[in-house]
Amino acid sequence: MKNQEEFYKKLKLQLADTALWPTAYLYKFIVPTDVTKIEQIETIFDNLGAVISTKQSRNGKYTSVSVNVRMKNPDQVILKYKEIAVKVEGVISL
């Protein structure tokens, strides 16, 4: 857990330094190919005007999910990462 908090702190600083907020942010996730998991991600970004695209791996075992969405600030970006980590089992955030 400590490493994860360190990661989020570092990410917040990077986001604050590299963008003028609000701005479009591109999330990338890898999930085991499962419609339910993909729908969970889509639901989390529902009503935010997100553009979501998916692409299956060559063997079909995993699906990458890209979410392009306008976020208010670095804190909002990190909250979504945390929500995904808690709600979508087996997700890898890139």
N, C-alpha and C. Protein backbone atom coordinates (compact mmCIF):
# COMPACT_ATOMS: atom_id res chain seq x y z
N MET A 1 0.82 -1.21 0.00
CA MET A 1 0.00 0.00 0.00
C MET A 1 0.86 1.27 0.00
N LYS A 2 1.97 1.24 0.74
CA LYS A 2 2.83 2.42 0.84
C LYS A 2 3.35 2.80 -0.55
N ASN A 3 3.77 1.80 -1.33
CA ASN A 3 4.26 2.07 -2.68
C ASN A 3 3.20 2.74 -3.53
N GLN A 4 1.97 2.30 -3.35
CA GLN A 4 0.87 2.87 -4.12
C GLN A 4 0.67 4.35 -3.76
N GLU A 5 0.73 4.67 -2.49
CA GLU A 5 0.58 6.06 -2.06
C GLU A 5 1.71 6.92 -2.61
N GLU A 6 2.93 6.36 -2.61
CA GLU A 6 4.09 7.07 -3.18
C GLU A 6 3.85 7.33 -4.66
N PHE A 7 3.35 6.31 -5.34
CA PHE A 7 3.05 6.43 -6.77
C PHE A 7 2.06 7.57 -7.01
N TYR A 8 0.99 7.62 -6.22
CA TYR A 8 -0.03 8.66 -6.41
C TYR A 8 0.51 10.05 -6.10
N LYS A 9 1.36 10.15 -5.07
CA LYS A 9 1.96 11.45 -4.74
C LYS A 9 2.81 11.96 -5.90
N LYS A 10 3.63 11.05 -6.44
CA LYS A 10 4.51 11.39 -7.56
C LYS A 10 3.68 11.78 -8.79
N LEU A 11 2.64 11.00 -9.05
CA LEU A 11 1.76 11.27 -10.19
C LEU A 11 1.11 12.64 -10.05
N LYS A 12 0.64 12.95 -8.86
CA LYS A 12 -0.01 14.25 -8.63
C LYS A 12 0.95 15.39 -8.94
N LEU A 13 2.19 15.28 -8.49
CA LEU A 13 3.18 16.32 -8.76
C LEU A 13 3.45 16.44 -10.26
N GLN A 14 3.59 15.30 -10.93
CA GLN A 14 3.84 15.31 -12.38
C GLN A 14 2.67 15.96 -13.11
N LEU A 15 1.46 15.59 -12.73
CA LEU A 15 0.27 16.15 -13.40
C LEU A 15 0.17 17.65 -13.17
N ALA A 16 0.46 18.08 -11.95
CA ALA A 16 0.39 19.51 -11.63
C ALA A 16 1.42 20.30 -12.43
N ASP A 17 2.58 19.69 -12.67
CA ASP A 17 3.66 20.38 -13.38
C ASP A 17 3.51 20.37 -14.89
N THR A 18 2.79 19.41 -15.44
CA THR A 18 2.81 19.24 -16.89
C THR A 18 1.55 19.68 -17.62
N ALA A 19 0.53 20.08 -16.90
CA ALA A 19 -0.70 20.44 -17.61
C ALA A 19 -1.40 21.62 -16.95
N LEU A 20 -2.15 22.34 -17.77
CA LEU A 20 -3.03 23.39 -17.25
C LEU A 20 -4.40 22.77 -17.06
N TRP A 21 -4.92 22.86 -15.87
CA TRP A 21 -6.19 22.20 -15.54
C TRP A 21 -7.34 23.18 -15.63
N PRO A 22 -8.55 22.74 -16.02
CA PRO A 22 -8.90 21.38 -16.43
C PRO A 22 -8.30 21.02 -17.79
N THR A 23 -8.09 19.74 -18.01
CA THR A 23 -7.50 19.27 -19.27
C THR A 23 -7.98 17.86 -19.59
N ALA A 24 -7.77 17.47 -20.86
CA ALA A 24 -8.09 16.10 -21.26
C ALA A 24 -7.00 15.18 -20.71
N TYR A 25 -7.39 14.04 -20.19
CA TYR A 25 -6.44 13.08 -19.64
C TYR A 25 -6.72 11.71 -20.23
N LEU A 26 -5.67 10.99 -20.59
CA LEU A 26 -5.84 9.67 -21.17
C LEU A 26 -5.45 8.60 -20.15
N TYR A 27 -6.45 7.83 -19.74
CA TYR A 27 -6.23 6.69 -18.85
C TYR A 27 -6.02 5.46 -19.73
N LYS A 28 -5.17 4.56 -19.29
CA LYS A 28 -5.01 3.27 -19.97
C LYS A 28 -5.04 2.18 -18.93
N PHE A 29 -5.87 1.18 -19.19
CA PHE A 29 -6.01 0.04 -18.29
C PHE A 29 -5.90 -1.25 -19.09
N ILE A 30 -5.41 -2.28 -18.44
CA ILE A 30 -5.42 -3.62 -19.02
C ILE A 30 -6.25 -4.48 -18.09
N VAL A 31 -7.22 -5.20 -18.66
CA VAL A 31 -8.04 -6.11 -17.85
C VAL A 31 -8.12 -7.46 -18.55
N PRO A 32 -8.30 -8.53 -17.77
CA PRO A 32 -8.59 -9.81 -18.41
C PRO A 32 -9.84 -9.61 -19.27
N THR A 33 -9.85 -10.18 -20.46
CA THR A 33 -10.99 -9.98 -21.35
C THR A 33 -12.25 -10.55 -20.70
N ASP A 34 -13.13 -9.64 -20.32
CA ASP A 34 -14.37 -9.99 -19.62
C ASP A 34 -15.28 -8.77 -19.76
N VAL A 35 -16.41 -8.97 -20.41
CA VAL A 35 -17.35 -7.87 -20.67
C VAL A 35 -17.70 -7.13 -19.38
N THR A 36 -17.88 -7.87 -18.30
CA THR A 36 -18.25 -7.25 -17.02
C THR A 36 -17.20 -6.26 -16.55
N LYS A 37 -15.92 -6.63 -16.65
CA LYS A 37 -14.83 -5.75 -16.20
C LYS A 37 -14.77 -4.48 -17.06
N ILE A 38 -14.96 -4.64 -18.35
CA ILE A 38 -14.94 -3.49 -19.26
C ILE A 38 -16.12 -2.58 -18.95
N GLU A 39 -17.29 -3.17 -18.71
CA GLU A 39 -18.47 -2.37 -18.36
C GLU A 39 -18.28 -1.64 -17.04
N GLN A 40 -17.58 -2.27 -16.08
CA GLN A 40 -17.32 -1.61 -14.80
C GLN A 40 -16.51 -0.32 -15.03
N ILE A 41 -15.50 -0.41 -15.87
CA ILE A 41 -14.69 0.78 -16.18
C ILE A 41 -15.55 1.84 -16.86
N GLU A 42 -16.35 1.40 -17.84
CA GLU A 42 -17.22 2.35 -18.55
C GLU A 42 -18.18 3.04 -17.59
N THR A 43 -18.72 2.31 -16.64
CA THR A 43 -19.67 2.86 -15.66
C THR A 43 -18.99 3.91 -14.78
N ILE A 44 -17.76 3.64 -14.38
CA ILE A 44 -17.03 4.58 -13.52
C ILE A 44 -16.82 5.93 -14.22
N PHE A 45 -16.69 5.90 -15.54
CA PHE A 45 -16.49 7.14 -16.29
C PHE A 45 -17.78 7.66 -16.93
N ASP A 46 -18.90 7.02 -16.60
CA ASP A 46 -20.20 7.43 -17.14
C ASP A 46 -20.50 8.88 -16.75
N ASN A 47 -21.20 9.58 -17.60
CA ASN A 47 -21.62 10.97 -17.36
C ASN A 47 -20.46 11.97 -17.28
N LEU A 48 -19.28 11.59 -17.73
CA LEU A 48 -18.15 12.53 -17.75
C LEU A 48 -17.77 12.91 -19.18
N GLY A 49 -18.51 12.39 -20.14
CA GLY A 49 -18.21 12.70 -21.54
C GLY A 49 -16.95 12.01 -22.02
N ALA A 50 -16.62 10.88 -21.42
CA ALA A 50 -15.39 10.16 -21.77
C ALA A 50 -15.52 9.46 -23.12
N VAL A 51 -14.41 9.44 -23.86
CA VAL A 51 -14.32 8.66 -25.09
C VAL A 51 -13.54 7.41 -24.74
N ILE A 52 -14.21 6.27 -24.84
CA ILE A 52 -13.62 5.00 -24.39
C ILE A 52 -13.42 4.08 -25.59
N SER A 53 -12.20 3.54 -25.69
CA SER A 53 -11.95 2.57 -26.76
C SER A 53 -11.29 1.34 -26.15
N THR A 54 -11.57 0.20 -26.76
CA THR A 54 -11.01 -1.05 -26.26
C THR A 54 -10.31 -1.78 -27.39
N LYS A 55 -9.30 -2.57 -27.04
CA LYS A 55 -8.59 -3.37 -28.02
C LYS A 55 -8.13 -4.66 -27.36
N GLN A 56 -8.52 -5.78 -27.94
CA GLN A 56 -8.11 -7.07 -27.38
C GLN A 56 -6.68 -7.39 -27.76
N SER A 57 -6.01 -8.13 -26.85
CA SER A 57 -4.66 -8.59 -27.16
C SER A 57 -4.74 -9.63 -28.28
N ARG A 58 -3.59 -9.95 -28.84
CA ARG A 58 -3.57 -10.87 -29.97
C ARG A 58 -4.23 -12.21 -29.64
N ASN A 59 -3.97 -12.73 -28.44
CA ASN A 59 -4.56 -14.02 -28.09
C ASN A 59 -5.94 -13.89 -27.46
N GLY A 60 -6.41 -12.63 -27.28
CA GLY A 60 -7.76 -12.40 -26.77
C GLY A 60 -7.90 -12.55 -25.26
N LYS A 61 -6.78 -12.81 -24.58
CA LYS A 61 -6.84 -13.04 -23.14
C LYS A 61 -7.04 -11.74 -22.35
N TYR A 62 -6.49 -10.65 -22.88
CA TYR A 62 -6.58 -9.35 -22.21
C TYR A 62 -7.16 -8.31 -23.15
N THR A 63 -7.72 -7.26 -22.55
CA THR A 63 -8.25 -6.14 -23.32
C THR A 63 -7.68 -4.86 -22.74
N SER A 64 -7.18 -4.00 -23.63
CA SER A 64 -6.73 -2.69 -23.15
C SER A 64 -7.92 -1.73 -23.30
N VAL A 65 -8.08 -0.90 -22.30
CA VAL A 65 -9.18 0.06 -22.30
C VAL A 65 -8.56 1.45 -22.18
N SER A 66 -8.79 2.28 -23.18
CA SER A 66 -8.31 3.66 -23.15
C SER A 66 -9.48 4.58 -22.90
N VAL A 67 -9.31 5.50 -21.97
CA VAL A 67 -10.38 6.42 -21.60
C VAL A 67 -9.84 7.84 -21.72
N ASN A 68 -10.37 8.59 -22.66
CA ASN A 68 -9.96 9.98 -22.83
C ASN A 68 -11.08 10.85 -22.27
N VAL A 69 -10.75 11.62 -21.23
CA VAL A 69 -11.80 12.37 -20.54
C VAL A 69 -11.24 13.67 -19.99
N ARG A 70 -12.06 14.69 -19.96
CA ARG A 70 -11.65 15.98 -19.41
C ARG A 70 -11.77 15.95 -17.89
N MET A 71 -10.67 16.21 -17.21
CA MET A 71 -10.65 16.16 -15.75
C MET A 71 -10.37 17.56 -15.21
N LYS A 72 -10.91 17.84 -14.01
CA LYS A 72 -10.78 19.18 -13.40
C LYS A 72 -9.40 19.45 -12.85
N ASN A 73 -8.78 18.43 -12.22
CA ASN A 73 -7.49 18.64 -11.56
C ASN A 73 -6.82 17.29 -11.30
N PRO A 74 -5.53 17.32 -10.88
CA PRO A 74 -4.81 16.06 -10.61
C PRO A 74 -5.50 15.19 -9.55
N ASP A 75 -6.12 15.79 -8.55
CA ASP A 75 -6.81 15.01 -7.52
C ASP A 75 -7.93 14.17 -8.11
N GLN A 76 -8.67 14.75 -9.06
CA GLN A 76 -9.78 14.03 -9.70
C GLN A 76 -9.23 12.85 -10.51
N VAL A 77 -8.10 13.06 -11.18
CA VAL A 77 -7.47 11.98 -11.95
C VAL A 77 -7.13 10.81 -11.03
N ILE A 78 -6.50 11.11 -9.91
CA ILE A 78 -6.06 10.09 -8.96
C ILE A 78 -7.25 9.38 -8.30
N LEU A 79 -8.31 10.13 -8.00
CA LEU A 79 -9.51 9.50 -7.43
C LEU A 79 -10.07 8.42 -8.35
N LYS A 80 -10.05 8.69 -9.65
CA LYS A 80 -10.56 7.69 -10.62
C LYS A 80 -9.66 6.46 -10.65
N TYR A 81 -8.33 6.67 -10.61
CA TYR A 81 -7.42 5.52 -10.56
C TYR A 81 -7.72 4.66 -9.34
N LYS A 82 -7.92 5.31 -8.19
CA LYS A 82 -8.19 4.57 -6.95
C LYS A 82 -9.53 3.83 -7.03
N GLU A 83 -10.53 4.49 -7.60
CA GLU A 83 -11.85 3.86 -7.73
C GLU A 83 -11.77 2.62 -8.62
N ILE A 84 -11.05 2.74 -9.73
CA ILE A 84 -10.88 1.60 -10.65
C ILE A 84 -10.17 0.46 -9.92
N ALA A 85 -9.10 0.78 -9.18
CA ALA A 85 -8.32 -0.25 -8.47
C ALA A 85 -9.18 -1.02 -7.49
N VAL A 86 -10.12 -0.33 -6.84
CA VAL A 86 -10.98 -0.97 -5.83
C VAL A 86 -12.12 -1.76 -6.49
N LYS A 87 -12.69 -1.22 -7.54
CA LYS A 87 -13.92 -1.81 -8.10
C LYS A 87 -13.70 -2.84 -9.20
N VAL A 88 -12.56 -2.79 -9.90
CA VAL A 88 -12.35 -3.69 -11.05
C VAL A 88 -11.24 -4.68 -10.71
N GLU A 89 -11.63 -5.90 -10.44
CA GLU A 89 -10.66 -6.92 -10.04
C GLU A 89 -9.73 -7.28 -11.19
N GLY A 90 -8.43 -7.37 -10.89
CA GLY A 90 -7.46 -7.79 -11.90
C GLY A 90 -7.03 -6.71 -12.85
N VAL A 91 -7.41 -5.46 -12.61
CA VAL A 91 -7.06 -4.37 -13.52
C VAL A 91 -5.60 -3.97 -13.31
N ILE A 92 -4.95 -3.60 -14.41
CA ILE A 92 -3.61 -3.03 -14.36
C ILE A 92 -3.73 -1.62 -14.92
N SER A 93 -3.31 -0.63 -14.13
CA SER A 93 -3.36 0.76 -14.59
C SER A 93 -2.00 1.12 -15.17
N LEU A 94 -2.01 1.72 -16.34
CA LEU A 94 -0.75 2.13 -16.98
C LEU A 94 -0.58 3.63 -16.91
